[in-house]
Amino acid sequence: MAKCSQCGKTTTFGHNRSHSLVATRRKFLPNLQSVTVMENGRKVRKVLCARCIKTLTKNYN
């Protein structure tokens, strides 16, 4: 499933609006990446969103 394992960000839904303002359903997908992270001294593969990857690298540098 499309879900960040750190913050829980998932797919959200909204509307496409045409020129005549007819609303059709659409989805907003999170920017998920599969990365290898050090957790308790071990390498673990996780699916994280881009914001979580950015804050993890920011906190460890």
C-alpha atoms as a PDB file:
ATOM      1  CA  MET A   1       0.000   0.000   0.000  1.00  0.00           C
ATOM      2  CA  ALA A   2       1.180   3.561  -0.679  1.00  0.00           C
ATOM      3  CA  LYS A   3       2.020   4.660   2.862  1.00  0.00           C
ATOM      4  CA  CYS A   4       5.064   6.226   4.510  1.00  0.00           C
ATOM      5  CA  SER A   5       6.334   3.995   7.311  1.00  0.00           C
ATOM      6  CA  GLN A   6       7.608   7.016   9.297  1.00  0.00           C
ATOM      7  CA  CYS A   7       4.763   9.557   9.263  1.00  0.00           C
ATOM      8  CA  GLY A   8       1.897   7.512   7.777  1.00  0.00           C
ATOM      9  CA  LYS A   9       1.296   9.802   4.797  1.00  0.00           C
ATOM     10  CA  THR A  10      -1.086   8.124   2.317  1.00  0.00           C
ATOM     11  CA  THR A  11      -2.998   8.871  -0.851  1.00  0.00           C
ATOM     12  CA  THR A  12      -5.453  11.766  -0.524  1.00  0.00           C
ATOM     13  CA  PHE A  13      -8.388  12.541  -2.774  1.00  0.00           C
ATOM     14  CA  GLY A  14      -9.713  15.681  -4.369  1.00  0.00           C
ATOM     15  CA  HIS A  15     -11.301  16.957  -7.567  1.00  0.00           C
ATOM     16  CA  ASN A  16     -10.222  17.804 -11.093  1.00  0.00           C
ATOM     17  CA  ARG A  17     -11.987  20.999 -12.133  1.00  0.00           C
ATOM     18  CA  SER A  18     -12.611  21.559 -15.818  1.00  0.00           C
ATOM     19  CA  HIS A  19     -13.164  24.963 -17.433  1.00  0.00           C
ATOM     20  CA  SER A  20     -16.916  24.526 -16.861  1.00  0.00           C
ATOM     21  CA  LEU A  21     -16.184  23.672 -13.192  1.00  0.00           C
ATOM     22  CA  VAL A  22     -17.360  20.064 -13.504  1.00  0.00           C
ATOM     23  CA  ALA A  23     -15.778  18.108 -10.650  1.00  0.00           C
ATOM     24  CA  THR A  24     -14.309  14.643 -11.263  1.00  0.00           C
ATOM     25  CA  ARG A  25     -12.497  12.644  -8.620  1.00  0.00           C
ATOM     26  CA  ARG A  26      -8.695  12.452  -8.632  1.00  0.00           C
ATOM     27  CA  LYS A  27      -6.005  11.277  -6.230  1.00  0.00           C
ATOM     28  CA  PHE A  28      -2.872  12.906  -4.889  1.00  0.00           C
ATOM     29  CA  LEU A  29      -0.099  10.333  -4.477  1.00  0.00           C
ATOM     30  CA  PRO A  30       2.685  10.887  -1.908  1.00  0.00           C
ATOM     31  CA  ASN A  31       6.293  10.998  -3.112  1.00  0.00           C
ATOM     32  CA  LEU A  32       7.382   7.626  -1.687  1.00  0.00           C
ATOM     33  CA  GLN A  33      10.880   6.233  -2.062  1.00  0.00           C
ATOM     34  CA  SER A  34      12.366   2.919  -0.973  1.00  0.00           C
ATOM     35  CA  VAL A  35      15.497   3.675   1.080  1.00  0.00           C
ATOM     36  CA  THR A  36      17.929   1.843   3.353  1.00  0.00           C
ATOM     37  CA  VAL A  37      18.056   3.357   6.841  1.00  0.00           C
ATOM     38  CA  MET A  38      20.241   2.572   9.854  1.00  0.00           C
ATOM     39  CA  GLU A  39      17.950   1.588  12.724  1.00  0.00           C
ATOM     40  CA  ASN A  40      19.419   0.349  16.031  1.00  0.00           C
ATOM     41  CA  GLY A  41      22.745  -0.308  14.276  1.00  0.00           C
ATOM     42  CA  ARG A  42      21.147  -2.400  11.514  1.00  0.00           C
ATOM     43  CA  LYS A  43      20.355  -1.589   7.904  1.00  0.00           C
ATOM     44  CA  VAL A  44      16.594  -1.677   7.295  1.00  0.00           C
ATOM     45  CA  ARG A  45      14.769  -1.059   4.019  1.00  0.00           C
ATOM     46  CA  LYS A  46      11.816   1.278   4.460  1.00  0.00           C
ATOM     47  CA  VAL A  47       9.348   3.125   2.262  1.00  0.00           C
ATOM     48  CA  LEU A  48       9.559   6.805   3.230  1.00  0.00           C
ATOM     49  CA  CYS A  49       8.138  10.005   1.803  1.00  0.00           C
ATOM     50  CA  ALA A  50      10.543  12.663   0.518  1.00  0.00           C
ATOM     51  CA  ARG A  51       9.953  14.926   3.517  1.00  0.00           C
ATOM     52  CA  CYS A  52      10.861  12.177   6.006  1.00  0.00           C
ATOM     53  CA  ILE A  53      14.027  11.354   4.031  1.00  0.00           C
ATOM     54  CA  LYS A  54      14.948  15.030   4.078  1.00  0.00           C
ATOM     55  CA  THR A  55      14.460  15.386   7.849  1.00  0.00           C
ATOM     56  CA  LEU A  56      16.328  12.132   8.576  1.00  0.00           C
ATOM     57  CA  THR A  57      19.385  13.283   6.605  1.00  0.00           C
ATOM     58  CA  LYS A  58      19.099  16.742   8.158  1.00  0.00           C
ATOM     59  CA  ASN A  59      19.105  15.323  11.701  1.00  0.00           C
ATOM     60  CA  TYR A  60      22.077  12.991  11.104  1.00  0.00           C
ATOM     61  CA  ASN A  61      24.378  15.566   9.444  1.00  0.00           C
END
